[in-house]
Amino acid sequence: MENNQFYMITEAGIKVLTDQITEKILQAINFSKTSDEDAFLNIDEAAKLIDLAKTSVYGLVHKNKIPYHKKSKRLYFLKSEILDWVKSGKQESKSELEIRANEYLSKNRLF
């Protein structure tokens, strides 16, 4: 036996409903992203994440070039910090540099 029910919803009601659904989806996405990115990694996991040898990661730690945490002679890496560190090394492409140069020149005319 099927129970077919029909509801009349106004346009404002549809908007409220879609906003609530969207908020729930965003919360679910942010929760999984936050819990995954806030995980602590050991040296092996960090090296695998950034595709470097363990010795290279140890070298970066020694030079204080990579974010790390140290407790009881053990190294830990927060996944979100490692990902931010990798993102901070972005090099601008030639076209991006040309655009910036043109913007600067158009704002700072010499004559």
PDB file of N, CA and C in Angstrom:
ATOM      1  N   MET A   1       0.836  -1.171   0.000  1.00  0.00           N
ATOM      2  CA  MET A   1       0.000   0.000   0.000  1.00  0.00           C
ATOM      3  C   MET A   1       0.885   1.239   0.000  1.00  0.00           C
ATOM      4  N   GLU A   2       0.727   2.064  -1.007  1.00  0.00           N
ATOM      5  CA  GLU A   2       1.528   3.280  -1.128  1.00  0.00           C
ATOM      6  C   GLU A   2       0.826   4.426  -0.440  1.00  0.00           C
ATOM      7  N   ASN A   3       1.648   5.287   0.152  1.00  0.00           N
ATOM      8  CA  ASN A   3       1.110   6.449   0.836  1.00  0.00           C
ATOM      9  C   ASN A   3       1.631   7.683   0.113  1.00  0.00           C
ATOM     10  N   ASN A   4       0.931   8.123  -0.897  1.00  0.00           N
ATOM     11  CA  ASN A   4       1.330   9.301  -1.663  1.00  0.00           C
ATOM     12  C   ASN A   4       0.720  10.536  -1.026  1.00  0.00           C
ATOM     13  N   GLN A   5       1.610  11.424  -0.561  1.00  0.00           N
ATOM     14  CA  GLN A   5       1.141  12.668   0.016  1.00  0.00           C
ATOM     15  C   GLN A   5       1.732  13.822  -0.779  1.00  0.00           C
ATOM     16  N   PHE A   6       0.958  14.839  -0.975  1.00  0.00           N
ATOM     17  CA  PHE A   6       1.412  16.016  -1.691  1.00  0.00           C
ATOM     18  C   PHE A   6       1.375  17.207  -0.751  1.00  0.00           C
ATOM     19  N   TYR A   7       2.404  18.029  -0.841  1.00  0.00           N
ATOM     20  CA  TYR A   7       2.487  19.209   0.010  1.00  0.00           C
ATOM     21  C   TYR A   7       2.599  20.444  -0.871  1.00  0.00           C
ATOM     22  N   MET A   8       1.965  21.484  -0.462  1.00  0.00           N
ATOM     23  CA  MET A   8       2.066  22.763  -1.151  1.00  0.00           C
ATOM     24  C   MET A   8       3.089  23.606  -0.390  1.00  0.00           C
ATOM     25  N   ILE A   9       4.159  24.008  -1.075  1.00  0.00           N
ATOM     26  CA  ILE A   9       5.207  24.806  -0.446  1.00  0.00           C
ATOM     27  C   ILE A   9       5.366  26.089  -1.244  1.00  0.00           C
ATOM     28  N   THR A  10       5.441  27.187  -0.532  1.00  0.00           N
ATOM     29  CA  THR A  10       5.640  28.468  -1.195  1.00  0.00           C
ATOM     30  C   THR A  10       7.093  28.586  -1.652  1.00  0.00           C
ATOM     31  N   GLU A  11       7.352  29.565  -2.472  1.00  0.00           N
ATOM     32  CA  GLU A  11       8.723  29.813  -2.934  1.00  0.00           C
ATOM     33  C   GLU A  11       9.642  30.137  -1.763  1.00  0.00           C
ATOM     34  N   ALA A  12       9.144  30.891  -0.794  1.00  0.00           N
ATOM     35  CA  ALA A  12       9.930  31.214   0.399  1.00  0.00           C
ATOM     36  C   ALA A  12      10.212  29.944   1.209  1.00  0.00           C
ATOM     37  N   GLY A  13       9.229  29.058   1.284  1.00  0.00           N
ATOM     38  CA  GLY A  13       9.416  27.789   1.990  1.00  0.00           C
ATOM     39  C   GLY A  13      10.466  26.914   1.321  1.00  0.00           C
ATOM     40  N   ILE A  14      10.472  26.907  -0.002  1.00  0.00           N
ATOM     41  CA  ILE A  14      11.481  26.152  -0.747  1.00  0.00           C
ATOM     42  C   ILE A  14      12.869  26.718  -0.470  1.00  0.00           C
ATOM     43  N   LYS A  15      12.959  28.048  -0.434  1.00  0.00           N
ATOM     44  CA  LYS A  15      14.250  28.671  -0.159  1.00  0.00           C
ATOM     45  C   LYS A  15      14.754  28.292   1.229  1.00  0.00           C
ATOM     46  N   VAL A  16      13.879  28.338   2.234  1.00  0.00           N
ATOM     47  CA  VAL A  16      14.264  27.967   3.596  1.00  0.00           C
ATOM     48  C   VAL A  16      14.717  26.515   3.627  1.00  0.00           C
ATOM     49  N   LEU A  17      13.978  25.653   2.969  1.00  0.00           N
ATOM     50  CA  LEU A  17      14.325  24.233   2.939  1.00  0.00           C
ATOM     51  C   LEU A  17      15.673  23.997   2.255  1.00  0.00           C
ATOM     52  N   THR A  18      15.911  24.642   1.118  1.00  0.00           N
ATOM     53  CA  THR A  18      17.195  24.462   0.426  1.00  0.00           C
ATOM     54  C   THR A  18      18.346  25.040   1.242  1.00  0.00           C
ATOM     55  N   ASP A  19      18.115  26.157   1.937  1.00  0.00           N
ATOM     56  CA  ASP A  19      19.157  26.723   2.805  1.00  0.00           C
ATOM     57  C   ASP A  19      19.513  25.756   3.933  1.00  0.00           C
ATOM     58  N   GLN A  20      18.499  25.128   4.511  1.00  0.00           N
ATOM     59  CA  GLN A  20      18.745  24.180   5.598  1.00  0.00           C
ATOM     60  C   GLN A  20      19.502  22.948   5.083  1.00  0.00           C
ATOM     61  N   ILE A  21      19.118  22.445   3.940  1.00  0.00           N
ATOM     62  CA  ILE A  21      19.805  21.281   3.359  1.00  0.00           C
ATOM     63  C   ILE A  21      21.244  21.638   3.021  1.00  0.00           C
ATOM     64  N   THR A  22      21.448  22.811   2.424  1.00  0.00           N
ATOM     65  CA  THR A  22      22.796  23.252   2.076  1.00  0.00           C
ATOM     66  C   THR A  22      23.668  23.372   3.320  1.00  0.00           C
ATOM     67  N   GLU A  23      23.119  23.939   4.393  1.00  0.00           N
ATOM     68  CA  GLU A  23      23.864  24.089   5.645  1.00  0.00           C
ATOM     69  C   GLU A  23      24.264  22.730   6.206  1.00  0.00           C
ATOM     70  N   LYS A  24      23.365  21.770   6.173  1.00  0.00           N
ATOM     71  CA  LYS A  24      23.666  20.423   6.672  1.00  0.00           C
ATOM     72  C   LYS A  24      24.769  19.768   5.841  1.00  0.00           C
ATOM     73  N   ILE A  25      24.723  19.945   4.539  1.00  0.00           N
ATOM     74  CA  ILE A  25      25.755  19.372   3.655  1.00  0.00           C
ATOM     75  C   ILE A  25      27.101  20.015   3.941  1.00  0.00           C
ATOM     76  N   LEU A  26      27.132  21.347   4.070  1.00  0.00           N
ATOM     77  CA  LEU A  26      28.386  22.045   4.364  1.00  0.00           C
ATOM     78  C   LEU A  26      28.957  21.631   5.712  1.00  0.00           C
ATOM     79  N   GLN A  27      28.102  21.450   6.699  1.00  0.00           N
ATOM     80  CA  GLN A  27      28.571  20.986   8.010  1.00  0.00           C
ATOM     81  C   GLN A  27      29.197  19.600   7.902  1.00  0.00           C
ATOM     82  N   ALA A  28      28.566  18.734   7.138  1.00  0.00           N
ATOM     83  CA  ALA A  28      29.102  17.380   6.976  1.00  0.00           C
ATOM     84  C   ALA A  28      30.441  17.405   6.247  1.00  0.00           C
ATOM     85  N   ILE A  29      30.553  18.239   5.224  1.00  0.00           N
ATOM     86  CA  ILE A  29      31.807  18.347   4.474  1.00  0.00           C
ATOM     87  C   ILE A  29      32.897  18.924   5.356  1.00  0.00           C
ATOM     88  N   ASN A  30      32.598  19.995   6.076  1.00  0.00           N
ATOM     89  CA  ASN A  30      33.594  20.623   6.945  1.00  0.00           C
ATOM     90  C   ASN A  30      34.016  19.709   8.077  1.00  0.00           C
ATOM     91  N   PHE A  31      33.100  18.911   8.610  1.00  0.00           N
ATOM     92  CA  PHE A  31      33.454  17.992   9.687  1.00  0.00           C
ATOM     93  C   PHE A  31      34.448  16.959   9.188  1.00  0.00           C
ATOM     94  N   SER A  32      34.173  16.362   8.034  1.00  0.00           N
ATOM     95  CA  SER A  32      35.096  15.339   7.527  1.00  0.00           C
ATOM     96  C   SER A  32      36.420  15.957   7.121  1.00  0.00           C
ATOM     97  N   LYS A  33      36.391  17.160   6.571  1.00  0.00           N
ATOM     98  CA  LYS A  33      37.625  17.839   6.178  1.00  0.00           C
ATOM     99  C   LYS A  33      38.449  18.206   7.419  1.00  0.00           C
ATOM    100  N   THR A  34      37.790  18.750   8.430  1.00  0.00           N
ATOM    101  CA  THR A  34      38.488  19.158   9.644  1.00  0.00           C
ATOM    102  C   THR A  34      39.090  17.965  10.357  1.00  0.00           C
ATOM    103  N   SER A  35      38.324  16.908  10.519  1.00  0.00           N
ATOM    104  CA  SER A  35      38.833  15.758  11.258  1.00  0.00           C
ATOM    105  C   SER A  35      39.980  15.102  10.505  1.00  0.00           C
ATOM    106  N   ASP A  36      39.935  15.116   9.182  1.00  0.00           N
ATOM    107  CA  ASP A  36      41.001  14.500   8.387  1.00  0.00           C
ATOM    108  C   ASP A  36      42.256  15.370   8.380  1.00  0.00           C
ATOM    109  N   GLU A  37      42.100  16.692   8.220  1.00  0.00           N
ATOM    110  CA  GLU A  37      43.256  17.574   8.109  1.00  0.00           C
ATOM    111  C   GLU A  37      43.905  17.877   9.450  1.00  0.00           C
ATOM    112  N   ASP A  38      43.209  17.674  10.556  1.00  0.00           N
ATOM    113  CA  ASP A  38      43.784  17.946  11.862  1.00  0.00           C
ATOM    114  C   ASP A  38      44.461  16.716  12.464  1.00  0.00           C
ATOM    115  N   ALA A  39      44.631  15.694  11.659  1.00  0.00           N
ATOM    116  CA  ALA A  39      45.272  14.475  12.148  1.00  0.00           C
ATOM    117  C   ALA A  39      46.778  14.688  12.259  1.00  0.00           C
ATOM    118  N   PHE A  40      47.350  14.120  13.309  1.00  0.00           N
ATOM    119  CA  PHE A  40      48.801  14.155  13.455  1.00  0.00           C
ATOM    120  C   PHE A  40      49.406  13.001  12.661  1.00  0.00           C
ATOM    121  N   LEU A  41      50.498  13.296  12.005  1.00  0.00           N
ATOM    122  CA  LEU A  41      51.204  12.301  11.195  1.00  0.00           C
ATOM    123  C   LEU A  41      52.570  12.036  11.804  1.00  0.00           C
ATOM    124  N   ASN A  42      53.063  10.822  11.625  1.00  0.00           N
ATOM    125  CA  ASN A  42      54.446  10.544  12.016  1.00  0.00           C
ATOM    126  C   ASN A  42      55.355  10.883  10.831  1.00  0.00           C
ATOM    127  N   ILE A  43      56.637  10.681  10.999  1.00  0.00           N
ATOM    128  CA  ILE A  43      57.597  11.062   9.961  1.00  0.00           C
ATOM    129  C   ILE A  43      57.350  10.311   8.653  1.00  0.00           C
ATOM    130  N   ASP A  44      57.013   9.027   8.744  1.00  0.00           N
ATOM    131  CA  ASP A  44      56.749   8.238   7.534  1.00  0.00           C
ATOM    132  C   ASP A  44      55.536   8.764   6.775  1.00  0.00           C
ATOM    133  N   GLU A  45      54.472   9.056   7.519  1.00  0.00           N
ATOM    134  CA  GLU A  45      53.244   9.551   6.891  1.00  0.00           C
ATOM    135  C   GLU A  45      53.455  10.941   6.289  1.00  0.00           C
ATOM    136  N   ALA A  46      54.190  11.795   6.994  1.00  0.00           N
ATOM    137  CA  ALA A  46      54.455  13.139   6.473  1.00  0.00           C
ATOM    138  C   ALA A  46      55.292  13.067   5.204  1.00  0.00           C
ATOM    139  N   ALA A  47      56.298  12.207   5.210  1.00  0.00           N
ATOM    140  CA  ALA A  47      57.147  12.056   4.025  1.00  0.00           C
ATOM    141  C   ALA A  47      56.330  11.558   2.838  1.00  0.00           C
ATOM    142  N   LYS A  48      55.450  10.609   3.094  1.00  0.00           N
ATOM    143  CA  LYS A  48      54.602  10.083   2.017  1.00  0.00           C
ATOM    144  C   LYS A  48      53.643  11.157   1.506  1.00  0.00           C
ATOM    145  N   LEU A  49      53.076  11.949   2.418  1.00  0.00           N
ATOM    146  CA  LEU A  49      52.126  12.999   2.034  1.00  0.00           C
ATOM    147  C   LEU A  49      52.749  13.997   1.069  1.00  0.00           C
ATOM    148  N   ILE A  50      53.993  14.398   1.332  1.00  0.00           N
ATOM    149  CA  ILE A  50      54.631  15.412   0.478  1.00  0.00           C
ATOM    150  C   ILE A  50      55.622  14.794  -0.513  1.00  0.00           C
ATOM    151  N   ASP A  51      55.625  13.480  -0.591  1.00  0.00           N
ATOM    152  CA  ASP A  51      56.418  12.747  -1.577  1.00  0.00           C
ATOM    153  C   ASP A  51      57.910  13.073  -1.483  1.00  0.00           C
ATOM    154  N   LEU A  52      58.430  13.003  -0.266  1.00  0.00           N
ATOM    155  CA  LEU A  52      59.855  13.193  -0.023  1.00  0.00           C
ATOM    156  C   LEU A  52      60.389  12.010   0.768  1.00  0.00           C
ATOM    157  N   ALA A  53      61.683  11.821   0.704  1.00  0.00           N
ATOM    158  CA  ALA A  53      62.320  10.794   1.517  1.00  0.00           C
ATOM    159  C   ALA A  53      62.323  11.240   2.978  1.00  0.00           C
ATOM    160  N   LYS A  54      62.349  10.269   3.879  1.00  0.00           N
ATOM    161  CA  LYS A  54      62.387  10.602   5.308  1.00  0.00           C
ATOM    162  C   LYS A  54      63.592  11.477   5.635  1.00  0.00           C
ATOM    163  N   THR A  55      64.731  11.184   5.016  1.00  0.00           N
ATOM    164  CA  THR A  55      65.934  11.977   5.297  1.00  0.00           C
ATOM    165  C   THR A  55      65.744  13.428   4.874  1.00  0.00           C
ATOM    166  N   SER A  56      65.013  13.649   3.793  1.00  0.00           N
ATOM    167  CA  SER A  56      64.737  15.022   3.349  1.00  0.00           C
ATOM    168  C   SER A  56      63.847  15.745   4.351  1.00  0.00           C
ATOM    169  N   VAL A  57      62.869  15.043   4.895  1.00  0.00           N
ATOM    170  CA  VAL A  57      61.983  15.650   5.892  1.00  0.00           C
ATOM    171  C   VAL A  57      62.776  15.974   7.151  1.00  0.00           C
ATOM    172  N   TYR A  58      63.655  15.049   7.568  1.00  0.00           N
ATOM    173  CA  TYR A  58      64.508  15.322   8.729  1.00  0.00           C
ATOM    174  C   TYR A  58      65.375  16.562   8.476  1.00  0.00           C
ATOM    175  N   GLY A  59      65.880  16.705   7.255  1.00  0.00           N
ATOM    176  CA  GLY A  59      66.677  17.880   6.913  1.00  0.00           C
ATOM    177  C   GLY A  59      65.873  19.164   7.014  1.00  0.00           C
ATOM    178  N   LEU A  60      64.620  19.140   6.539  1.00  0.00           N
ATOM    179  CA  LEU A  60      63.749  20.316   6.629  1.00  0.00           C
ATOM    180  C   LEU A  60      63.435  20.659   8.081  1.00  0.00           C
ATOM    181  N   VAL A  61      63.264  19.627   8.908  1.00  0.00           N
ATOM    182  CA  VAL A  61      63.018  19.854  10.343  1.00  0.00           C
ATOM    183  C   VAL A  61      64.257  20.493  10.967  1.00  0.00           C
ATOM    184  N   HIS A  62      65.419  19.946  10.656  1.00  0.00           N
ATOM    185  CA  HIS A  62      66.668  20.468  11.217  1.00  0.00           C
ATOM    186  C   HIS A  62      66.863  21.946  10.876  1.00  0.00           C
ATOM    187  N   LYS A  63      66.451  22.346   9.657  1.00  0.00           N
ATOM    188  CA  LYS A  63      66.594  23.739   9.212  1.00  0.00           C
ATOM    189  C   LYS A  63      65.384  24.587   9.599  1.00  0.00           C
ATOM    190  N   ASN A  64      64.439  24.003  10.336  1.00  0.00           N
ATOM    191  CA  ASN A  64      63.191  24.692  10.713  1.00  0.00           C
ATOM    192  C   ASN A  64      62.447  25.253   9.508  1.00  0.00           C
ATOM    193  N   LYS A  65      62.409  24.503   8.423  1.00  0.00           N
ATOM    194  CA  LYS A  65      61.729  24.958   7.211  1.00  0.00           C
ATOM    195  C   LYS A  65      60.358  24.322   7.040  1.00  0.00           C
ATOM    196  N   ILE A  66      60.028  23.376   7.896  1.00  0.00           N
ATOM    197  CA  ILE A  66      58.746  22.698   7.803  1.00  0.00           C
ATOM    198  C   ILE A  66      58.100  22.719   9.192  1.00  0.00           C
ATOM    199  N   PRO A  67      56.782  22.928   9.273  1.00  0.00           N
ATOM    200  CA  PRO A  67      56.143  22.953  10.594  1.00  0.00           C
ATOM    201  C   PRO A  67      56.100  21.553  11.212  1.00  0.00           C
ATOM    202  N   TYR A  68      56.489  21.467  12.474  1.00  0.00           N
ATOM    203  CA  TYR A  68      56.487  20.179  13.163  1.00  0.00           C
ATOM    204  C   TYR A  68      56.271  20.390  14.650  1.00  0.00           C
ATOM    205  N   HIS A  69      55.969  19.313  15.327  1.00  0.00           N
ATOM    206  CA  HIS A  69      55.794  19.310  16.773  1.00  0.00           C
ATOM    207  C   HIS A  69      56.703  18.228  17.324  1.00  0.00           C
ATOM    208  N   LYS A  70      57.316  18.491  18.456  1.00  0.00           N
ATOM    209  CA  LYS A  70      58.239  17.530  19.045  1.00  0.00           C
ATOM    210  C   LYS A  70      57.818  17.254  20.476  1.00  0.00           C
ATOM    211  N   LYS A  71      57.689  15.993  20.803  1.00  0.00           N
ATOM    212  CA  LYS A  71      57.320  15.580  22.150  1.00  0.00           C
ATOM    213  C   LYS A  71      58.072  14.293  22.473  1.00  0.00           C
ATOM    214  N   SER A  72      58.845  14.332  23.550  1.00  0.00           N
ATOM    215  CA  SER A  72      59.606  13.150  23.983  1.00  0.00           C
ATOM    216  C   SER A  72      60.477  12.585  22.860  1.00  0.00           C
ATOM    217  N   LYS A  73      61.210  13.455  22.207  1.00  0.00           N
ATOM    218  CA  LYS A  73      62.128  13.096  21.122  1.00  0.00           C
ATOM    219  C   LYS A  73      61.433  12.487  19.902  1.00  0.00           C
ATOM    220  N   ARG A  74      60.130  12.623  19.835  1.00  0.00           N
ATOM    221  CA  ARG A  74      59.383  12.141  18.670  1.00  0.00           C
ATOM    222  C   ARG A  74      58.864  13.336  17.888  1.00  0.00           C
ATOM    223  N   LEU A  75      58.857  13.201  16.572  1.00  0.00           N
ATOM    224  CA  LEU A  75      58.351  14.261  15.695  1.00  0.00           C
ATOM    225  C   LEU A  75      56.930  13.938  15.264  1.00  0.00           C
ATOM    226  N   TYR A  76      56.105  14.975  15.277  1.00  0.00           N
ATOM    227  CA  TYR A  76      54.738  14.861  14.796  1.00  0.00           C
ATOM    228  C   TYR A  76      54.474  16.020  13.847  1.00  0.00           C
ATOM    229  N   PHE A  77      53.636  15.759  12.860  1.00  0.00           N
ATOM    230  CA  PHE A  77      53.307  16.768  11.859  1.00  0.00           C
ATOM    231  C   PHE A  77      51.790  16.854  11.760  1.00  0.00           C
ATOM    232  N   LEU A  78      51.265  18.055  11.872  1.00  0.00           N
ATOM    233  CA  LEU A  78      49.832  18.262  11.714  1.00  0.00           C
ATOM    234  C   LEU A  78      49.546  18.348  10.218  1.00  0.00           C
ATOM    235  N   LYS A  79      48.662  17.491   9.743  1.00  0.00           N
ATOM    236  CA  LYS A  79      48.400  17.407   8.307  1.00  0.00           C
ATOM    237  C   LYS A  79      48.006  18.761   7.714  1.00  0.00           C
ATOM    238  N   SER A  80      47.150  19.510   8.401  1.00  0.00           N
ATOM    239  CA  SER A  80      46.708  20.807   7.874  1.00  0.00           C
ATOM    240  C   SER A  80      47.884  21.781   7.758  1.00  0.00           C
ATOM    241  N   GLU A  81      48.819  21.739   8.719  1.00  0.00           N
ATOM    242  CA  GLU A  81      49.988  22.624   8.660  1.00  0.00           C
ATOM    243  C   GLU A  81      50.911  22.240   7.503  1.00  0.00           C
ATOM    244  N   ILE A  82      51.069  20.956   7.274  1.00  0.00           N
ATOM    245  CA  ILE A  82      51.911  20.498   6.165  1.00  0.00           C
ATOM    246  C   ILE A  82      51.296  20.925   4.835  1.00  0.00           C
ATOM    247  N   LEU A  83      49.986  20.759   4.699  1.00  0.00           N
ATOM    248  CA  LEU A  83      49.319  21.164   3.453  1.00  0.00           C
ATOM    249  C   LEU A  83      49.417  22.673   3.242  1.00  0.00           C
ATOM    250  N   ASP A  84      49.258  23.454   4.311  1.00  0.00           N
ATOM    251  CA  ASP A  84      49.412  24.909   4.198  1.00  0.00           C
ATOM    252  C   ASP A  84      50.845  25.274   3.819  1.00  0.00           C
ATOM    253  N   TRP A  85      51.819  24.558   4.384  1.00  0.00           N
ATOM    254  CA  TRP A  85      53.227  24.801   4.079  1.00  0.00           C
ATOM    255  C   TRP A  85      53.505  24.541   2.596  1.00  0.00           C
ATOM    256  N   VAL A  86      52.954  23.463   2.069  1.00  0.00           N
ATOM    257  CA  VAL A  86      53.137  23.149   0.647  1.00  0.00           C
ATOM    258  C   VAL A  86      52.493  24.235  -0.211  1.00  0.00           C
ATOM    259  N   LYS A  87      51.283  24.654   0.159  1.00  0.00           N
ATOM    260  CA  LYS A  87      50.571  25.684  -0.606  1.00  0.00           C
ATOM    261  C   LYS A  87      51.307  27.012  -0.584  1.00  0.00           C
ATOM    262  N   SER A  88      52.015  27.297   0.489  1.00  0.00           N
ATOM    263  CA  SER A  88      52.710  28.585   0.599  1.00  0.00           C
ATOM    264  C   SER A  88      53.891  28.684  -0.358  1.00  0.00           C
ATOM    265  N   GLY A  89      54.303  27.577  -0.928  1.00  0.00           N
ATOM    266  CA  GLY A  89      55.448  27.589  -1.839  1.00  0.00           C
ATOM    267  C   GLY A  89      55.064  27.773  -3.291  1.00  0.00           C
ATOM    268  N   LYS A  90      53.825  28.181  -3.560  1.00  0.00           N
ATOM    269  CA  LYS A  90      53.374  28.345  -4.942  1.00  0.00           C
ATOM    270  C   LYS A  90      54.187  29.419  -5.654  1.00  0.00           C
ATOM    271  N   GLN A  91      54.667  29.074  -6.818  1.00  0.00           N
ATOM    272  CA  GLN A  91      55.399  30.019  -7.654  1.00  0.00           C
ATOM    273  C   GLN A  91      54.457  30.557  -8.727  1.00  0.00           C
ATOM    274  N   GLU A  92      54.524  31.842  -8.959  1.00  0.00           N
ATOM    275  CA  GLU A  92      53.665  32.436  -9.970  1.00  0.00           C
ATOM    276  C   GLU A  92      54.147  32.071 -11.357  1.00  0.00           C
ATOM    277  N   SER A  93      53.192  31.836 -12.253  1.00  0.00           N
ATOM    278  CA  SER A  93      53.538  31.535 -13.636  1.00  0.00           C
ATOM    279  C   SER A  93      53.966  32.815 -14.345  1.00  0.00           C
ATOM    280  N   LYS A  94      54.546  32.653 -15.508  1.00  0.00           N
ATOM    281  CA  LYS A  94      55.011  33.805 -16.279  1.00  0.00           C
ATOM    282  C   LYS A  94      53.846  34.743 -16.598  1.00  0.00           C
ATOM    283  N   SER A  95      52.706  34.169 -16.958  1.00  0.00           N
ATOM    284  CA  SER A  95      51.550  35.017 -17.288  1.00  0.00           C
ATOM    285  C   SER A  95      51.040  35.763 -16.057  1.00  0.00           C
ATOM    286  N   GLU A  96      51.075  35.126 -14.883  1.00  0.00           N
ATOM    287  CA  GLU A  96      50.657  35.805 -13.655  1.00  0.00           C
ATOM    288  C   GLU A  96      51.602  36.957 -13.329  1.00  0.00           C
ATOM    289  N   LEU A  97      52.895  36.740 -13.523  1.00  0.00           N
ATOM    290  CA  LEU A  97      53.873  37.805 -13.285  1.00  0.00           C
ATOM    291  C   LEU A  97      53.672  38.963 -14.260  1.00  0.00           C
ATOM    292  N   GLU A  98      53.384  38.641 -15.520  1.00  0.00           N
ATOM    293  CA  GLU A  98      53.150  39.690 -16.516  1.00  0.00           C
ATOM    294  C   GLU A  98      51.911  40.509 -16.163  1.00  0.00           C
ATOM    295  N   ILE A  99      50.868  39.846 -15.700  1.00  0.00           N
ATOM    296  CA  ILE A  99      49.648  40.558 -15.312  1.00  0.00           C
ATOM    297  C   ILE A  99      49.932  41.500 -14.152  1.00  0.00           C
ATOM    298  N   ARG A 100      50.657  41.010 -13.141  1.00  0.00           N
ATOM    299  CA  ARG A 100      51.012  41.858 -12.000  1.00  0.00           C
ATOM    300  C   ARG A 100      51.879  43.033 -12.431  1.00  0.00           C
ATOM    301  N   ALA A 101      52.828  42.787 -13.338  1.00  0.00           N
ATOM    302  CA  ALA A 101      53.695  43.861 -13.804  1.00  0.00           C
ATOM    303  C   ALA A 101      52.883  44.911 -14.561  1.00  0.00           C
ATOM    304  N   ASN A 102      51.974  44.479 -15.416  1.00  0.00           N
ATOM    305  CA  ASN A 102      51.133  45.413 -16.165  1.00  0.00           C
ATOM    306  C   ASN A 102      50.235  46.225 -15.236  1.00  0.00           C
ATOM    307  N   GLU A 103      49.685  45.568 -14.198  1.00  0.00           N
ATOM    308  CA  GLU A 103      48.856  46.296 -13.230  1.00  0.00           C
ATOM    309  C   GLU A 103      49.683  47.348 -12.495  1.00  0.00           C
ATOM    310  N   TYR A 104      50.897  46.991 -12.108  1.00  0.00           N
ATOM    311  CA  TYR A 104      51.761  47.924 -11.412  1.00  0.00           C
ATOM    312  C   TYR A 104      52.117  49.102 -12.307  1.00  0.00           C
ATOM    313  N   LEU A 105      52.476  48.820 -13.551  1.00  0.00           N
ATOM    314  CA  LEU A 105      52.852  49.885 -14.476  1.00  0.00           C
ATOM    315  C   LEU A 105      51.670  50.803 -14.788  1.00  0.00           C
ATOM    316  N   SER A 106      50.474  50.237 -14.880  1.00  0.00           N
ATOM    317  CA  SER A 106      49.320  51.093 -15.180  1.00  0.00           C
ATOM    318  C   SER A 106      48.974  51.998 -13.991  1.00  0.00           C
ATOM    319  N   LYS A 107      49.261  51.562 -12.777  1.00  0.00           N
ATOM    320  CA  LYS A 107      49.006  52.378 -11.592  1.00  0.00           C
ATOM    321  C   LYS A 107      50.131  53.361 -11.301  1.00  0.00           C
ATOM    322  N   ASN A 108      51.321  53.089 -11.738  1.00  0.00           N
ATOM    323  CA  ASN A 108      52.493  53.907 -11.431  1.00  0.00           C
ATOM    324  C   ASN A 108      53.166  54.393 -12.700  1.00  0.00           C
ATOM    325  N   ARG A 109      52.498  55.250 -13.397  1.00  0.00           N
ATOM    326  CA  ARG A 109      53.047  55.792 -14.637  1.00  0.00           C
ATOM    327  C   ARG A 109      54.259  56.662 -14.340  1.00  0.00           C
ATOM    328  N   LEU A 110      55.262  56.582 -15.202  1.00  0.00           N
ATOM    329  CA  LEU A 110      56.489  57.352 -15.011  1.00  0.00           C
ATOM    330  C   LEU A 110      56.351  58.795 -15.518  1.00  0.00           C
ATOM    331  N   PHE A 111      55.465  59.033 -16.433  1.00  0.00           N
ATOM    332  CA  PHE A 111      55.315  60.382 -16.984  1.00  0.00           C
ATOM    333  C   PHE A 111      53.904  60.859 -16.922  1.00  0.00           C
TER     334      PHE A 111
END
